């Protein structure tokens, strides 16, 4: 299918999933980089407590906290 035809179908609100190869779809920015970070034990314990209260992983708390911090400090 030509891009022009695809765009027309999209603009018309048609379901485009039959035309997509979802087996090879990728989310942009979804690559990961493993890091190592040293944290004081008291901080790690506090983060772990928060994770347990929310029923999520320690990693999820750290990632969410970093995203929220960056959103708040975003230059205007």
N, C-alpha and C. Protein backbone atom coordinates (compact mmCIF):
# COMPACT_ATOMS: atom_id res chain seq x y z
N UNK A 1 0.85 -1.17 0.00
CA UNK A 1 0.00 0.00 0.00
C UNK A 1 0.89 1.24 0.00
N UNK A 2 0.52 2.19 -0.78
CA UNK A 2 1.27 3.43 -0.86
C UNK A 2 0.95 4.29 0.36
N UNK A 3 1.91 5.12 0.75
CA UNK A 3 1.75 5.99 1.92
C UNK A 3 0.54 6.91 1.75
N UNK A 4 0.31 7.36 0.53
CA UNK A 4 -0.83 8.24 0.26
C UNK A 4 -2.15 7.53 0.60
N UNK A 5 -2.27 6.27 0.19
CA UNK A 5 -3.48 5.50 0.48
C UNK A 5 -3.63 5.25 1.97
N UNK A 6 -2.51 4.94 2.62
CA UNK A 6 -2.51 4.71 4.07
C UNK A 6 -2.98 5.98 4.79
N UNK A 7 -2.44 7.13 4.39
CA UNK A 7 -2.83 8.40 4.99
C UNK A 7 -4.31 8.70 4.80
N UNK A 8 -4.82 8.38 3.62
CA UNK A 8 -6.25 8.62 3.36
C UNK A 8 -7.12 7.76 4.26
N UNK A 9 -6.73 6.50 4.45
CA UNK A 9 -7.48 5.61 5.32
C UNK A 9 -7.43 6.11 6.76
N UNK A 10 -6.26 6.58 7.16
CA UNK A 10 -6.11 7.12 8.51
C UNK A 10 -7.00 8.34 8.69
N UNK A 11 -6.94 9.26 7.74
CA UNK A 11 -7.76 10.48 7.81
C UNK A 11 -9.25 10.17 7.82
N UNK A 12 -9.64 9.06 7.19
CA UNK A 12 -11.04 8.66 7.15
C UNK A 12 -11.46 7.92 8.42
N UNK A 13 -10.48 7.67 9.31
CA UNK A 13 -10.80 7.00 10.56
C UNK A 13 -10.91 5.49 10.45
N UNK A 14 -10.39 4.93 9.39
CA UNK A 14 -10.46 3.48 9.20
C UNK A 14 -9.49 2.76 10.14
N UNK A 15 -9.80 1.51 10.44
CA UNK A 15 -8.94 0.66 11.24
C UNK A 15 -7.75 0.25 10.39
N UNK A 16 -6.56 0.63 10.82
CA UNK A 16 -5.35 0.37 10.04
C UNK A 16 -4.60 -0.87 10.50
N UNK A 17 -5.05 -1.51 11.57
CA UNK A 17 -4.30 -2.65 12.10
C UNK A 17 -4.11 -3.79 11.09
N UNK A 18 -5.04 -4.04 10.16
CA UNK A 18 -4.76 -5.10 9.19
C UNK A 18 -3.55 -4.80 8.29
N UNK A 19 -3.17 -3.55 8.21
CA UNK A 19 -2.06 -3.15 7.35
C UNK A 19 -0.73 -3.05 8.10
N UNK A 20 -0.75 -3.30 9.39
CA UNK A 20 0.46 -3.14 10.21
C UNK A 20 1.05 -4.49 10.58
N UNK A 21 2.35 -4.55 10.65
CA UNK A 21 3.07 -5.74 11.11
C UNK A 21 3.38 -5.54 12.59
N UNK A 22 2.42 -5.88 13.45
CA UNK A 22 2.56 -5.62 14.88
C UNK A 22 3.59 -6.54 15.54
N UNK A 23 3.96 -7.62 14.88
CA UNK A 23 4.97 -8.52 15.44
C UNK A 23 6.33 -7.84 15.53
N UNK A 24 6.54 -6.83 14.71
CA UNK A 24 7.81 -6.12 14.72
C UNK A 24 7.67 -4.68 15.18
N UNK A 25 6.55 -4.34 15.77
CA UNK A 25 6.33 -2.97 16.24
C UNK A 25 7.25 -2.68 17.42
N UNK A 26 7.70 -1.45 17.52
CA UNK A 26 8.57 -1.03 18.61
C UNK A 26 8.07 0.30 19.16
N UNK A 27 8.19 0.45 20.45
CA UNK A 27 7.84 1.71 21.10
C UNK A 27 9.08 2.60 21.10
N UNK A 28 8.94 3.80 20.57
CA UNK A 28 10.08 4.72 20.53
C UNK A 28 10.51 5.07 21.95
N UNK A 29 11.79 5.12 22.17
CA UNK A 29 12.32 5.47 23.47
C UNK A 29 12.20 4.36 24.50
N UNK A 30 11.92 3.15 24.08
CA UNK A 30 11.71 2.06 25.03
C UNK A 30 12.98 1.25 25.28
N UNK A 31 14.09 1.65 24.71
CA UNK A 31 15.32 0.93 24.99
C UNK A 31 15.77 1.27 26.41
N UNK A 32 16.45 0.34 27.02
CA UNK A 32 16.87 0.53 28.41
C UNK A 32 18.38 0.54 28.52
N UNK A 33 18.85 1.21 29.53
CA UNK A 33 20.28 1.23 29.85
C UNK A 33 20.40 0.89 31.32
N UNK A 34 21.10 -0.17 31.62
CA UNK A 34 21.30 -0.58 33.01
C UNK A 34 22.35 0.33 33.64
N UNK A 35 22.06 0.78 34.86
CA UNK A 35 23.00 1.61 35.60
C UNK A 35 23.21 1.01 36.98
N UNK A 36 24.25 1.44 37.62
CA UNK A 36 24.52 1.05 38.99
C UNK A 36 24.53 2.33 39.81
N UNK A 37 23.87 2.30 40.95
CA UNK A 37 23.79 3.49 41.78
C UNK A 37 23.92 3.08 43.24
N UNK A 38 24.70 3.83 43.98
CA UNK A 38 24.87 3.58 45.41
C UNK A 38 23.93 4.50 46.17
N UNK A 39 23.11 3.91 47.04
CA UNK A 39 22.18 4.68 47.85
C UNK A 39 22.42 4.37 49.32
N UNK A 40 22.21 5.36 50.18
CA UNK A 40 22.31 5.07 51.61
C UNK A 40 21.24 4.03 52.00
N UNK A 41 21.56 3.19 52.94
CA UNK A 41 20.66 2.12 53.33
C UNK A 41 19.31 2.67 53.80
N UNK A 42 19.31 3.79 54.55
CA UNK A 42 18.06 4.35 55.04
C UNK A 42 17.14 4.74 53.88
N UNK A 43 17.74 5.26 52.80
CA UNK A 43 16.95 5.68 51.64
C UNK A 43 16.39 4.46 50.91
N UNK A 44 17.21 3.47 50.74
CA UNK A 44 16.77 2.25 50.08
C UNK A 44 15.63 1.59 50.86
N UNK A 45 15.74 1.56 52.19
CA UNK A 45 14.67 0.99 53.02
C UNK A 45 13.39 1.79 52.89
N UNK A 46 13.51 3.10 52.84
CA UNK A 46 12.32 3.97 52.71
C UNK A 46 11.64 3.77 51.36
N UNK A 47 12.44 3.66 50.31
CA UNK A 47 11.89 3.41 48.97
C UNK A 47 11.21 2.05 48.93
N UNK A 48 11.82 1.06 49.58
CA UNK A 48 11.25 -0.28 49.63
C UNK A 48 9.92 -0.28 50.38
N UNK A 49 9.83 0.48 51.46
CA UNK A 49 8.57 0.60 52.20
C UNK A 49 7.48 1.19 51.31
N UNK A 50 7.83 2.22 50.58
CA UNK A 50 6.87 2.87 49.68
C UNK A 50 6.42 1.90 48.59
N UNK A 51 7.35 1.14 48.06
CA UNK A 51 7.01 0.16 47.02
C UNK A 51 6.05 -0.89 47.57
N UNK A 52 6.31 -1.36 48.77
CA UNK A 52 5.43 -2.36 49.39
C UNK A 52 4.04 -1.79 49.65
N UNK A 53 3.96 -0.54 50.09
CA UNK A 53 2.66 0.10 50.33
C UNK A 53 1.85 0.20 49.05
N UNK A 54 2.53 0.50 47.96
CA UNK A 54 1.84 0.68 46.68
C UNK A 54 1.69 -0.63 45.91
N UNK A 55 2.34 -1.67 46.36
CA UNK A 55 2.25 -2.96 45.69
C UNK A 55 2.97 -3.00 44.36
N UNK A 56 4.07 -2.26 44.27
CA UNK A 56 4.86 -2.23 43.04
C UNK A 56 6.31 -2.54 43.37
N UNK A 57 7.13 -2.65 42.36
CA UNK A 57 8.54 -2.95 42.58
C UNK A 57 9.32 -1.72 43.02
N UNK A 58 10.44 -1.98 43.63
CA UNK A 58 11.35 -0.91 44.03
C UNK A 58 11.77 -0.09 42.81
N UNK A 59 12.03 -0.79 41.72
CA UNK A 59 12.44 -0.13 40.48
C UNK A 59 11.34 0.81 39.98
N UNK A 60 10.09 0.37 40.08
CA UNK A 60 8.98 1.21 39.61
C UNK A 60 8.90 2.50 40.42
N UNK A 61 9.11 2.42 41.73
CA UNK A 61 9.09 3.62 42.57
C UNK A 61 10.20 4.58 42.16
N UNK A 62 11.38 4.05 41.96
CA UNK A 62 12.52 4.90 41.59
C UNK A 62 12.28 5.55 40.23
N UNK A 63 11.84 4.77 39.24
CA UNK A 63 11.60 5.32 37.91
C UNK A 63 10.50 6.39 37.94
N UNK A 64 9.41 6.10 38.64
CA UNK A 64 8.31 7.06 38.72
C UNK A 64 8.76 8.34 39.41
N UNK A 65 9.52 8.19 40.47
CA UNK A 65 10.00 9.37 41.21
C UNK A 65 10.90 10.24 40.34
N UNK A 66 11.75 9.60 39.56
CA UNK A 66 12.63 10.36 38.67
C UNK A 66 11.84 11.10 37.59
N UNK A 67 10.85 10.42 37.01
CA UNK A 67 10.02 11.06 35.98
C UNK A 67 9.26 12.24 36.57
N UNK A 68 8.68 12.05 37.76
CA UNK A 68 7.94 13.15 38.40
C UNK A 68 8.86 14.31 38.72
N UNK A 69 10.04 14.02 39.21
CA UNK A 69 11.00 15.09 39.53
C UNK A 69 11.38 15.87 38.28
N UNK A 70 11.64 15.16 37.19
CA UNK A 70 12.02 15.83 35.95
C UNK A 70 10.86 16.66 35.40
N UNK A 71 9.64 16.17 35.56
CA UNK A 71 8.46 16.92 35.08
C UNK A 71 8.31 18.22 35.87
N UNK A 72 8.57 18.16 37.16
CA UNK A 72 8.46 19.36 38.00
C UNK A 72 9.57 20.37 37.73
N UNK A 73 10.75 19.88 37.36
CA UNK A 73 11.87 20.78 37.15
C UNK A 73 12.07 21.15 35.69
N UNK A 74 11.07 20.79 34.87
CA UNK A 74 11.14 21.08 33.43
C UNK A 74 11.22 22.59 33.21
N UNK A 75 12.19 23.05 32.44
CA UNK A 75 12.31 24.49 32.18
C UNK A 75 11.07 25.02 31.45
N UNK A 76 10.60 26.15 31.84
CA UNK A 76 9.40 26.76 31.25
C UNK A 76 9.77 27.60 30.05
